[in-house]
N, C-alpha and C. Protein backbone atom coordinates (compact mmCIF):
# COMPACT_ATOMS: atom_id res chain seq x y z
N MET A 1 9.90 19.04 -8.18
CA MET A 1 9.77 17.51 -8.06
C MET A 1 8.43 17.00 -8.41
N SER A 2 7.30 17.85 -8.11
CA SER A 2 6.08 17.22 -8.58
C SER A 2 5.87 17.07 -10.07
N LEU A 3 6.54 17.90 -10.91
CA LEU A 3 6.39 17.84 -12.37
C LEU A 3 7.12 16.66 -12.65
N LEU A 4 8.23 16.09 -12.08
CA LEU A 4 8.92 15.08 -12.53
C LEU A 4 8.14 13.86 -12.13
N HIS A 5 7.64 13.76 -10.97
CA HIS A 5 6.63 12.53 -10.72
C HIS A 5 5.47 12.51 -11.59
N THR A 6 4.88 13.75 -12.06
CA THR A 6 3.52 13.58 -12.87
C THR A 6 4.01 13.10 -14.30
N ALA A 7 5.33 13.54 -14.73
CA ALA A 7 5.81 13.22 -16.04
C ALA A 7 6.37 11.71 -16.04
N GLY A 8 6.83 11.37 -15.01
CA GLY A 8 7.27 9.94 -14.74
C GLY A 8 5.93 8.83 -14.81
N ARG A 9 4.96 9.47 -14.02
CA ARG A 9 3.81 8.56 -14.00
C ARG A 9 3.14 8.38 -15.34
N TRP A 10 3.16 9.61 -16.13
CA TRP A 10 2.41 9.61 -17.41
C TRP A 10 3.22 8.56 -18.27
N MET A 11 4.59 8.66 -18.21
CA MET A 11 5.37 7.74 -19.14
C MET A 11 5.24 6.20 -18.87
N LEU A 12 5.17 6.14 -17.64
CA LEU A 12 4.78 4.67 -17.10
C LEU A 12 3.63 4.10 -17.42
N ALA A 13 2.65 5.05 -17.27
CA ALA A 13 1.17 4.63 -17.52
C ALA A 13 0.80 4.32 -18.97
N ALA A 14 1.63 5.33 -19.90
CA ALA A 14 1.29 5.07 -21.33
C ALA A 14 1.71 3.75 -21.96
N HIS A 15 2.57 3.05 -21.44
CA HIS A 15 2.89 1.81 -21.70
C HIS A 15 1.74 0.80 -21.39
N PHE A 16 1.28 0.96 -20.20
CA PHE A 16 0.17 -0.16 -19.89
C PHE A 16 -1.16 0.35 -20.46
N VAL A 17 -1.53 1.64 -20.71
CA VAL A 17 -2.73 1.95 -21.37
C VAL A 17 -2.61 1.27 -22.80
N TYR A 18 -1.54 1.64 -23.44
CA TYR A 18 -1.45 1.07 -24.90
C TYR A 18 -1.38 -0.40 -24.93
N GLN A 19 -0.75 -0.96 -23.99
CA GLN A 19 -0.84 -2.72 -23.98
C GLN A 19 -2.26 -3.06 -23.75
N GLY A 20 -2.83 -2.46 -22.90
CA GLY A 20 -4.10 -2.95 -22.25
C GLY A 20 -5.32 -2.50 -23.50
N ILE A 21 -5.19 -1.47 -24.08
CA ILE A 21 -6.22 -1.38 -25.24
C ILE A 21 -5.86 -2.39 -26.19
N ASN A 22 -4.60 -2.79 -26.64
CA ASN A 22 -4.35 -3.86 -27.72
C ASN A 22 -4.86 -5.16 -27.20
N ALA A 23 -4.66 -5.40 -25.86
CA ALA A 23 -5.04 -6.81 -25.20
C ALA A 23 -6.67 -6.81 -25.51
N VAL A 24 -7.35 -5.94 -25.02
CA VAL A 24 -8.75 -5.82 -25.07
C VAL A 24 -9.43 -5.98 -26.46
N LYS A 25 -8.64 -5.16 -27.31
CA LYS A 25 -9.11 -5.14 -28.80
C LYS A 25 -8.92 -6.60 -29.49
N ASP A 26 -7.64 -7.00 -29.38
CA ASP A 26 -7.26 -8.30 -30.20
C ASP A 26 -6.51 -9.31 -29.11
N PRO A 27 -7.36 -9.99 -28.46
CA PRO A 27 -6.84 -10.81 -27.32
C PRO A 27 -6.17 -12.14 -28.04
N SER A 28 -6.86 -12.53 -29.05
CA SER A 28 -6.36 -13.73 -29.91
C SER A 28 -4.66 -13.55 -30.20
N SER A 29 -4.10 -12.48 -30.42
CA SER A 29 -2.71 -12.60 -30.56
C SER A 29 -1.92 -12.82 -29.32
N LEU A 30 -2.32 -12.39 -28.30
CA LEU A 30 -1.69 -12.66 -26.91
C LEU A 30 -2.13 -13.86 -26.24
N ALA A 31 -3.16 -14.54 -26.53
CA ALA A 31 -3.61 -15.73 -26.02
C ALA A 31 -2.76 -16.84 -25.85
N PRO A 32 -2.10 -17.22 -27.00
CA PRO A 32 -1.08 -18.37 -26.95
C PRO A 32 -0.02 -18.11 -25.76
N ASP A 33 0.63 -16.74 -25.71
CA ASP A 33 1.58 -16.63 -24.65
C ASP A 33 0.96 -16.88 -23.21
N ALA A 34 -0.32 -16.48 -23.08
CA ALA A 34 -0.95 -16.59 -21.81
C ALA A 34 -1.45 -17.91 -21.51
N GLU A 35 -1.48 -18.96 -22.36
CA GLU A 35 -2.11 -20.18 -22.18
C GLU A 35 -1.15 -20.99 -21.22
N PRO A 36 -0.08 -21.16 -21.24
CA PRO A 36 0.62 -22.06 -20.13
C PRO A 36 0.37 -21.37 -18.57
N LEU A 37 0.28 -20.05 -18.54
CA LEU A 37 0.06 -19.61 -17.26
C LEU A 37 -1.42 -19.85 -16.82
N THR A 38 -2.45 -19.55 -17.74
CA THR A 38 -3.94 -19.78 -17.43
C THR A 38 -4.08 -21.38 -17.20
N ASP A 39 -3.43 -22.31 -18.01
CA ASP A 39 -3.49 -23.70 -17.89
C ASP A 39 -3.09 -24.07 -16.35
N MET A 40 -2.17 -23.26 -15.82
CA MET A 40 -1.71 -23.67 -14.35
C MET A 40 -2.51 -22.95 -13.41
N ALA A 41 -2.94 -21.62 -13.74
CA ALA A 41 -3.49 -20.82 -12.62
C ALA A 41 -5.10 -21.00 -12.39
N VAL A 42 -5.83 -21.38 -13.54
CA VAL A 42 -7.22 -21.68 -13.49
C VAL A 42 -7.76 -22.81 -12.70
N PRO A 43 -7.04 -23.95 -12.65
CA PRO A 43 -7.38 -25.01 -11.84
C PRO A 43 -7.01 -24.78 -10.26
N LEU A 44 -5.92 -24.11 -10.28
CA LEU A 44 -5.64 -23.62 -8.77
C LEU A 44 -6.74 -22.51 -8.25
N ALA A 45 -7.06 -21.67 -8.92
CA ALA A 45 -7.98 -20.66 -8.57
C ALA A 45 -9.53 -21.40 -8.30
N LYS A 46 -9.59 -22.35 -9.23
CA LYS A 46 -11.10 -23.14 -8.79
C LYS A 46 -10.88 -23.88 -7.59
N ARG A 47 -9.66 -24.38 -7.30
CA ARG A 47 -9.66 -25.25 -6.07
C ARG A 47 -9.55 -24.21 -4.81
N VAL A 48 -8.94 -23.02 -4.81
CA VAL A 48 -8.99 -22.29 -3.86
C VAL A 48 -10.33 -21.36 -3.53
N ALA A 49 -11.05 -21.14 -4.68
CA ALA A 49 -12.33 -20.15 -4.45
C ALA A 49 -13.42 -21.01 -3.99
N PRO A 50 -14.42 -20.27 -3.24
CA PRO A 50 -15.41 -20.98 -2.43
C PRO A 50 -16.21 -21.64 -3.82
N ALA A 51 -17.04 -22.61 -3.46
CA ALA A 51 -17.62 -23.46 -4.66
C ALA A 51 -18.67 -22.50 -5.26
N GLN A 52 -19.26 -21.58 -4.83
CA GLN A 52 -20.37 -20.81 -5.48
C GLN A 52 -19.84 -19.69 -6.38
N PHE A 53 -18.44 -19.71 -6.30
CA PHE A 53 -17.86 -18.77 -7.37
C PHE A 53 -17.10 -19.46 -8.43
N THR A 54 -16.84 -20.65 -8.40
CA THR A 54 -15.83 -21.45 -9.33
C THR A 54 -16.53 -21.36 -10.63
N GLY A 55 -17.87 -21.29 -10.83
CA GLY A 55 -18.60 -21.25 -12.11
C GLY A 55 -18.18 -19.95 -12.90
N TYR A 56 -17.62 -19.09 -12.13
CA TYR A 56 -17.42 -17.57 -12.75
C TYR A 56 -16.20 -17.36 -13.13
N ILE A 57 -15.33 -18.43 -12.69
CA ILE A 57 -13.87 -17.99 -13.21
C ILE A 57 -13.66 -18.64 -14.67
N PRO A 58 -13.10 -17.72 -15.57
CA PRO A 58 -13.08 -17.92 -16.95
C PRO A 58 -11.99 -19.03 -17.11
N GLU A 59 -12.11 -19.73 -17.98
CA GLU A 59 -11.08 -20.76 -18.21
C GLU A 59 -10.29 -20.54 -19.59
N ARG A 60 -10.91 -19.69 -20.46
CA ARG A 60 -10.30 -19.34 -21.98
C ARG A 60 -9.13 -18.35 -21.57
N ALA A 61 -8.09 -18.60 -22.29
CA ALA A 61 -6.85 -17.71 -22.30
C ALA A 61 -7.18 -16.38 -22.80
N ASP A 62 -8.05 -16.23 -23.81
CA ASP A 62 -8.20 -14.91 -24.44
C ASP A 62 -9.18 -14.06 -23.48
N THR A 63 -10.02 -14.90 -22.79
CA THR A 63 -10.81 -13.96 -21.71
C THR A 63 -9.83 -13.37 -20.72
N TRP A 64 -8.79 -14.01 -20.11
CA TRP A 64 -8.03 -13.59 -19.11
C TRP A 64 -7.02 -12.40 -19.74
N VAL A 65 -6.79 -12.50 -21.02
CA VAL A 65 -6.05 -11.49 -21.77
C VAL A 65 -6.73 -10.35 -21.75
N ARG A 66 -8.13 -10.37 -21.89
CA ARG A 66 -9.05 -9.13 -21.98
C ARG A 66 -9.08 -8.60 -20.59
N ILE A 67 -9.16 -9.44 -19.64
CA ILE A 67 -9.35 -9.02 -18.19
C ILE A 67 -8.03 -8.22 -17.77
N SER A 68 -6.88 -8.85 -18.20
CA SER A 68 -5.64 -8.25 -17.91
C SER A 68 -5.42 -6.86 -18.66
N GLY A 69 -6.02 -7.01 -19.88
CA GLY A 69 -5.90 -5.66 -20.59
C GLY A 69 -6.91 -4.70 -20.10
N ALA A 70 -7.80 -4.90 -19.65
CA ALA A 70 -8.91 -3.87 -18.91
C ALA A 70 -8.34 -3.40 -17.48
N ALA A 71 -7.56 -4.26 -16.82
CA ALA A 71 -6.93 -4.03 -15.58
C ALA A 71 -5.64 -2.88 -15.88
N GLN A 72 -5.15 -3.28 -17.03
CA GLN A 72 -4.05 -2.27 -17.27
C GLN A 72 -4.57 -0.99 -17.72
N VAL A 73 -5.43 -0.83 -18.48
CA VAL A 73 -5.97 0.39 -18.86
C VAL A 73 -6.61 1.28 -17.71
N VAL A 74 -7.35 0.53 -16.77
CA VAL A 74 -7.77 1.19 -15.60
C VAL A 74 -6.55 1.55 -14.60
N GLY A 75 -5.77 0.69 -14.42
CA GLY A 75 -4.53 0.89 -13.60
C GLY A 75 -3.82 1.97 -14.31
N GLY A 76 -3.44 2.00 -15.55
CA GLY A 76 -2.68 2.94 -16.11
C GLY A 76 -3.32 4.59 -15.95
N ALA A 77 -4.82 4.44 -16.18
CA ALA A 77 -5.46 5.70 -16.19
C ALA A 77 -5.44 6.38 -14.86
N ALA A 78 -5.59 5.49 -13.86
CA ALA A 78 -5.59 5.89 -12.42
C ALA A 78 -4.04 6.52 -12.22
N LEU A 79 -3.10 5.76 -12.60
CA LEU A 79 -1.81 6.12 -12.38
C LEU A 79 -1.45 7.64 -13.07
N ALA A 80 -1.76 7.58 -14.37
CA ALA A 80 -1.61 8.92 -15.04
C ALA A 80 -2.41 10.18 -14.61
N THR A 81 -3.66 9.87 -14.40
CA THR A 81 -4.45 10.99 -13.85
C THR A 81 -3.99 11.46 -12.50
N GLY A 82 -3.58 10.53 -11.73
CA GLY A 82 -3.32 10.88 -10.35
C GLY A 82 -4.41 10.55 -9.23
N ILE A 83 -5.46 10.21 -9.80
CA ILE A 83 -6.73 9.90 -9.13
C ILE A 83 -6.59 8.30 -8.59
N GLY A 84 -6.35 8.17 -7.47
CA GLY A 84 -6.04 6.74 -7.16
C GLY A 84 -4.83 6.18 -7.74
N ARG A 85 -3.74 7.05 -7.75
CA ARG A 85 -2.39 6.59 -8.36
C ARG A 85 -1.74 5.41 -7.73
N ARG A 86 -1.92 5.27 -6.49
CA ARG A 86 -1.22 4.09 -5.73
C ARG A 86 -2.00 2.99 -5.81
N PHE A 87 -3.29 2.98 -5.98
CA PHE A 87 -4.25 1.81 -6.18
C PHE A 87 -3.93 1.35 -7.56
N GLY A 88 -3.96 2.34 -8.58
CA GLY A 88 -3.63 2.08 -10.06
C GLY A 88 -2.32 1.32 -10.22
N ALA A 89 -1.32 1.86 -9.42
CA ALA A 89 -0.05 1.16 -9.43
C ALA A 89 0.08 -0.10 -8.92
N THR A 90 -0.72 -0.35 -7.81
CA THR A 90 -0.83 -1.79 -7.27
C THR A 90 -1.54 -2.77 -8.23
N VAL A 91 -2.39 -2.15 -8.82
CA VAL A 91 -3.20 -3.05 -9.95
C VAL A 91 -2.14 -3.43 -10.93
N LEU A 92 -1.53 -2.39 -11.45
CA LEU A 92 -0.51 -2.70 -12.51
C LEU A 92 0.59 -3.72 -12.02
N SER A 93 0.89 -3.69 -10.76
CA SER A 93 1.87 -4.41 -10.27
C SER A 93 1.41 -5.99 -10.18
N VAL A 94 0.07 -6.15 -9.90
CA VAL A 94 -0.36 -7.50 -9.97
C VAL A 94 -0.40 -8.01 -11.37
N VAL A 95 -0.76 -7.26 -12.35
CA VAL A 95 -1.12 -7.49 -13.59
C VAL A 95 0.36 -7.95 -14.30
N GLN A 96 1.46 -7.06 -13.87
CA GLN A 96 3.04 -7.17 -14.32
C GLN A 96 3.54 -8.53 -13.85
N LEU A 97 2.98 -8.90 -12.49
CA LEU A 97 3.64 -10.07 -11.92
C LEU A 97 3.11 -11.11 -12.80
N ALA A 98 1.91 -11.25 -13.19
CA ALA A 98 1.48 -12.41 -14.11
C ALA A 98 2.24 -12.28 -15.42
N HIS A 99 2.61 -11.07 -15.84
CA HIS A 99 3.42 -11.19 -16.99
C HIS A 99 4.85 -11.77 -16.96
N VAL A 100 5.22 -11.42 -15.71
CA VAL A 100 6.75 -11.92 -15.47
C VAL A 100 6.57 -13.37 -15.43
N ALA A 101 5.62 -13.84 -14.78
CA ALA A 101 5.39 -15.37 -14.77
C ALA A 101 5.21 -16.12 -16.05
N ALA A 102 4.53 -15.27 -16.90
CA ALA A 102 4.20 -15.96 -18.21
C ALA A 102 5.38 -16.11 -19.16
N VAL A 103 6.46 -15.48 -18.90
CA VAL A 103 7.62 -15.41 -19.94
C VAL A 103 8.69 -16.29 -19.29
N ASN A 104 9.21 -17.33 -19.94
CA ASN A 104 10.32 -18.04 -19.41
C ASN A 104 11.48 -17.53 -20.18
N PRO A 105 12.58 -17.15 -19.56
CA PRO A 105 13.53 -16.60 -20.26
C PRO A 105 14.47 -17.59 -20.62
N LEU A 106 14.24 -18.86 -20.48
CA LEU A 106 15.16 -19.94 -20.96
C LEU A 106 14.66 -20.72 -21.95
N THR A 107 13.50 -20.37 -22.44
CA THR A 107 13.00 -21.21 -23.54
C THR A 107 13.25 -20.65 -24.89
N GLY A 108 13.13 -21.28 -25.89
CA GLY A 108 13.46 -20.92 -27.23
C GLY A 108 14.46 -21.96 -27.95
N THR A 109 14.26 -22.10 -29.24
CA THR A 109 15.10 -23.08 -30.10
C THR A 109 16.45 -22.48 -30.53
N THR A 110 16.22 -21.22 -30.93
CA THR A 110 17.48 -20.52 -31.38
C THR A 110 17.90 -19.50 -30.46
N THR A 111 19.24 -19.16 -30.46
CA THR A 111 19.71 -18.07 -29.77
C THR A 111 19.25 -16.90 -29.64
N GLU A 112 18.56 -16.33 -30.94
CA GLU A 112 18.00 -15.29 -31.06
C GLU A 112 16.61 -15.25 -30.29
N GLU A 113 15.96 -16.47 -30.38
CA GLU A 113 14.58 -16.43 -29.61
C GLU A 113 14.92 -16.49 -28.04
N LYS A 114 15.92 -17.21 -27.67
CA LYS A 114 16.44 -17.15 -26.10
C LYS A 114 16.77 -15.61 -25.88
N ALA A 115 17.37 -14.97 -26.69
CA ALA A 115 17.82 -13.51 -26.23
C ALA A 115 16.46 -12.67 -26.41
N ALA A 116 15.68 -12.90 -27.08
CA ALA A 116 14.23 -12.23 -27.25
C ALA A 116 13.36 -12.45 -25.89
N ASN A 117 13.37 -13.73 -25.60
CA ASN A 117 12.68 -14.01 -24.24
C ASN A 117 13.38 -13.42 -23.00
N ARG A 118 14.72 -13.50 -22.94
CA ARG A 118 15.34 -12.82 -21.87
C ARG A 118 14.98 -11.30 -22.08
N GLY A 119 15.13 -10.67 -23.14
CA GLY A 119 14.85 -9.25 -23.24
C GLY A 119 13.18 -9.05 -22.74
N HIS A 120 12.27 -9.87 -23.13
CA HIS A 120 10.99 -9.67 -22.74
C HIS A 120 10.88 -9.71 -21.02
N PHE A 121 11.45 -10.86 -20.73
CA PHE A 121 11.65 -10.99 -19.17
C PHE A 121 12.05 -9.84 -18.37
N LEU A 122 13.38 -9.48 -18.79
CA LEU A 122 13.94 -8.24 -18.04
C LEU A 122 13.08 -7.00 -18.22
N ARG A 123 12.39 -6.79 -19.39
CA ARG A 123 11.56 -5.75 -19.37
C ARG A 123 10.32 -5.74 -18.56
N ASN A 124 9.65 -6.84 -18.59
CA ASN A 124 8.64 -7.17 -17.59
C ASN A 124 9.01 -7.09 -16.24
N LEU A 125 10.31 -7.51 -15.85
CA LEU A 125 10.75 -7.42 -14.47
C LEU A 125 10.94 -5.90 -14.06
N SER A 126 11.59 -5.20 -14.98
CA SER A 126 11.71 -3.72 -14.69
C SER A 126 10.52 -3.10 -14.52
N LEU A 127 9.53 -3.31 -15.46
CA LEU A 127 8.18 -2.65 -15.41
C LEU A 127 7.42 -3.17 -14.03
N LEU A 128 7.76 -4.35 -13.59
CA LEU A 128 7.26 -4.67 -12.21
C LEU A 128 7.88 -3.80 -11.22
N GLY A 129 9.10 -3.66 -11.25
CA GLY A 129 9.85 -2.89 -10.24
C GLY A 129 9.36 -1.37 -10.21
N ALA A 130 9.09 -0.85 -11.46
CA ALA A 130 8.65 0.43 -11.58
C ALA A 130 7.37 0.68 -10.97
N THR A 131 6.12 -0.30 -11.22
CA THR A 131 5.04 -0.30 -10.60
C THR A 131 4.91 -0.44 -9.08
N VAL A 132 5.87 -1.41 -8.64
CA VAL A 132 6.01 -1.44 -7.21
C VAL A 132 6.52 -0.08 -6.57
N LEU A 133 7.42 0.38 -7.22
CA LEU A 133 7.78 1.88 -6.68
C LEU A 133 6.83 2.79 -6.74
N ALA A 134 6.09 2.86 -7.80
CA ALA A 134 4.84 3.85 -7.93
C ALA A 134 3.91 3.69 -6.95
N SER A 135 3.60 2.28 -6.57
CA SER A 135 2.61 1.88 -5.63
C SER A 135 2.96 2.47 -4.20
N GLN A 136 4.26 2.70 -3.86
CA GLN A 136 4.69 2.93 -2.60
C GLN A 136 4.90 4.58 -2.63
N ASP A 137 4.89 5.20 -3.61
CA ASP A 137 5.25 6.60 -3.74
C ASP A 137 4.21 7.49 -2.99
N THR A 138 4.85 8.23 -2.00
CA THR A 138 3.70 9.15 -1.20
C THR A 138 3.83 10.49 -1.51
N GLN A 139 4.68 10.93 -2.60
CA GLN A 139 5.18 12.26 -3.06
C GLN A 139 5.74 13.05 -1.97
N GLY A 140 6.42 12.51 -1.10
CA GLY A 140 7.08 13.41 -0.05
C GLY A 140 6.03 13.61 1.18
N LYS A 141 4.97 13.14 1.09
CA LYS A 141 3.98 13.25 2.17
C LYS A 141 4.09 11.89 2.85
N PRO A 142 4.09 12.10 4.18
CA PRO A 142 4.18 11.00 5.26
C PRO A 142 3.11 9.84 4.81
N GLY A 143 3.44 8.62 4.89
CA GLY A 143 2.53 7.54 4.50
C GLY A 143 1.55 7.30 5.72
N LEU A 144 0.69 6.38 5.63
CA LEU A 144 -0.25 6.14 6.54
C LEU A 144 0.34 5.43 7.83
N ALA A 145 1.31 4.49 7.60
CA ALA A 145 1.89 3.79 8.78
C ALA A 145 2.81 4.69 9.44
N TRP A 146 3.44 5.63 8.84
CA TRP A 146 4.28 6.76 9.41
C TRP A 146 3.35 7.64 10.37
N ARG A 147 2.37 8.16 9.78
CA ARG A 147 1.42 8.84 10.49
C ARG A 147 0.93 8.26 11.75
N ALA A 148 0.32 7.10 11.54
CA ALA A 148 -0.32 6.23 12.84
C ALA A 148 0.87 6.03 13.78
N ASP A 149 2.02 5.78 13.41
CA ASP A 149 3.18 5.75 14.47
C ASP A 149 3.36 7.21 15.02
N HIS A 150 3.55 8.13 14.11
CA HIS A 150 3.68 9.41 14.74
C HIS A 150 2.65 9.90 15.75
N THR A 151 1.45 9.72 15.47
CA THR A 151 0.20 10.16 16.28
C THR A 151 0.28 9.30 17.72
N THR A 152 0.59 7.98 17.47
CA THR A 152 0.58 7.16 18.85
C THR A 152 1.90 7.75 19.41
N LYS A 153 2.96 8.11 19.03
CA LYS A 153 3.95 8.81 19.70
C LYS A 153 3.59 9.86 20.42
N GLN A 154 2.94 10.87 19.65
CA GLN A 154 2.51 12.07 20.10
C GLN A 154 1.55 11.79 21.25
N LEU A 155 0.62 10.96 21.08
CA LEU A 155 -0.42 10.85 22.15
C LEU A 155 0.31 10.25 23.43
N GLY A 156 1.18 9.37 23.16
CA GLY A 156 2.03 8.92 24.40
C GLY A 156 2.67 10.00 25.17
N LEU A 157 3.36 11.12 24.45
CA LEU A 157 4.08 12.10 25.00
C LEU A 157 3.11 12.89 25.74
N LYS A 158 1.97 13.26 25.17
CA LYS A 158 0.89 14.00 25.74
C LYS A 158 0.44 13.35 27.03
N ALA A 159 0.06 12.11 27.04
CA ALA A 159 -0.30 11.33 28.01
C ALA A 159 0.68 11.45 29.36
N GLU A 160 1.97 11.33 29.00
CA GLU A 160 3.14 11.39 29.85
C GLU A 160 3.11 12.81 30.44
N GLN A 161 3.08 13.86 29.58
CA GLN A 161 3.00 15.06 30.19
C GLN A 161 1.80 15.34 31.04
N SER A 162 0.57 15.03 30.69
CA SER A 162 -0.44 15.04 31.66
C SER A 162 -0.36 14.37 32.86
N ARG A 163 0.14 13.17 32.79
CA ARG A 163 0.33 12.45 34.17
C ARG A 163 1.40 13.26 35.05
N LYS A 164 2.39 14.01 34.56
CA LYS A 164 3.28 14.71 35.33
C LYS A 164 2.59 16.07 35.65
N ASP A 165 1.73 16.54 34.89
CA ASP A 165 0.96 17.74 35.38
C ASP A 165 0.11 17.58 36.50
N ILE A 166 -0.64 16.24 36.30
CA ILE A 166 -1.63 15.91 37.35
C ILE A 166 -0.82 15.60 38.70
N SER A 167 0.27 14.82 38.66
CA SER A 167 1.30 14.67 39.64
C SER A 167 1.71 15.90 40.38
N ARG A 168 1.99 16.60 39.57
CA ARG A 168 2.58 17.98 40.20
C ARG A 168 1.45 18.76 40.93
N LYS A 169 0.39 18.77 40.17
CA LYS A 169 -0.90 19.54 40.99
C LYS A 169 -1.22 18.69 42.14
N ALA A 170 -1.21 17.51 42.18
CA ALA A 170 -1.43 16.61 43.41
C ALA A 170 -0.62 17.03 44.58
N GLU A 171 0.70 17.17 43.99
CA GLU A 171 1.83 17.22 45.03
C GLU A 171 1.59 18.59 45.71
N LYS A 172 1.19 19.67 44.79
CA LYS A 172 1.00 20.99 45.21
C LYS A 172 -0.16 21.14 46.26
N ALA A 173 -1.06 20.47 45.82
CA ALA A 173 -2.56 20.45 46.74
C ALA A 173 -2.30 19.81 47.85
N ARG A 174 -1.46 18.82 47.98
CA ARG A 174 -1.07 17.95 49.26
C ARG A 174 -0.25 18.85 50.20
N LYS A 175 0.81 19.64 49.57
CA LYS A 175 1.59 20.53 50.38
C LYS A 175 0.79 21.58 50.92
N ASN A 176 -0.17 22.11 50.12
CA ASN A 176 -1.11 23.27 50.50
C ASN A 176 -1.95 22.84 51.77
N LEU A 177 -2.50 21.46 51.68
CA LEU A 177 -3.33 20.85 52.64
C LEU A 177 -2.46 20.75 53.92
N GLU A 178 -1.32 20.49 53.66
CA GLU A 178 -0.44 20.17 54.89
C GLU A 178 -0.25 21.42 55.68
N LYS A 179 -0.03 22.51 54.78
CA LYS A 179 0.31 23.97 55.19
C LYS A 179 -0.85 24.47 56.07
N LYS A 180 -2.09 24.23 55.46
CA LYS A 180 -3.29 24.71 56.01
C LYS A 180 -3.77 24.05 57.37
N ALA A 181 -3.32 22.46 57.34
CA ALA A 181 -3.60 21.86 58.44
C ALA A 181 -2.61 22.04 59.75
N SER A 182 -1.49 22.41 59.27
CA SER A 182 -0.41 22.93 60.34
C SER A 182 -0.84 24.08 60.95
N LYS A 183 -1.24 25.11 60.12
CA LYS A 183 -1.62 26.53 60.55
C LYS A 183 -3.12 26.28 61.38
N ALA A 184 -3.97 25.56 60.87
CA ALA A 184 -4.98 25.29 61.73
C ALA A 184 -4.82 24.60 63.04
N ALA A 185 -3.60 23.67 63.07
CA ALA A 185 -3.46 23.22 64.32
C ALA A 185 -2.82 24.00 65.31
N LYS A 186 -1.88 24.96 64.77
CA LYS A 186 -1.33 26.03 65.53
C LYS A 186 -2.29 27.01 65.97
N LYS A 187 -3.05 27.21 65.29
CA LYS A 187 -4.34 28.07 65.78
C LYS A 187 -5.24 27.62 66.82
N ALA A 188 -5.39 26.29 66.65
CA ALA A 188 -6.19 25.57 67.73
C ALA A 188 -5.35 25.58 69.09
N GLU A 189 -4.15 25.44 68.86
CA GLU A 189 -3.11 25.18 70.05
C GLU A 189 -3.25 26.58 70.73
N LYS A 190 -3.21 27.66 69.85
CA LYS A 190 -3.27 28.97 70.60
C LYS A 190 -4.50 29.26 71.28
N GLN A 191 -5.67 28.93 70.60
CA GLN A 191 -7.01 29.07 71.08
C GLN A 191 -7.06 28.29 72.39
N ALA A 192 -6.63 26.99 72.33
CA ALA A 192 -6.59 26.12 73.62
C ALA A 192 -5.87 26.78 74.65
N LYS A 193 -4.57 27.33 74.43
CA LYS A 193 -3.77 28.06 75.52
C LYS A 193 -4.49 29.20 76.16
N LYS A 194 -5.17 29.94 75.34
CA LYS A 194 -5.87 31.06 75.64
C LYS A 194 -7.08 30.69 76.77
N LEU A 195 -7.83 29.57 76.32
CA LEU A 195 -8.87 29.01 77.06
C LEU A 195 -8.45 28.40 78.38
N ALA A 196 -7.34 28.01 78.40
CA ALA A 196 -6.90 27.46 79.53
C ALA A 196 -6.20 28.16 80.59
């Protein structure tokens, strides 16, 4: 199973590393496709970002293509090597979400263009699904949420067991004290009868 996971991660990562390298080397060929998304996202980002950071938000589409390409290379490398694989898959999911948003499956003047756009959209959607699955893959090991929940339940059970043990010991001590008090009372009564 581990070999299958590794091979699957390599295959998925190969696409992103290849696309990322191409985007970093030649962003001008991909920038026209990214312009509609950047024209919409950059003003929104500048409105949402704190004032001291708005000057650092790039406005040119080719810069965003390079950033996206670098993120794909880093995320793909993390996914392929297994070092930070879930983080890498999450980075790829975010990048792929932008790619899904950038392709409109309904645009195109001819039926061939519309079919090609639908194909690109479905491919991007499929890759988004694959990266989301990869970001949640724990390789058969329990995730952090499960471990936290399991630990909480175990601690609750231990606390309940400790409470029962303490209660049992307290009851036993009470009975022992009652016994000793009863014996002491009988002994005192005998002593009193002897003295009287």
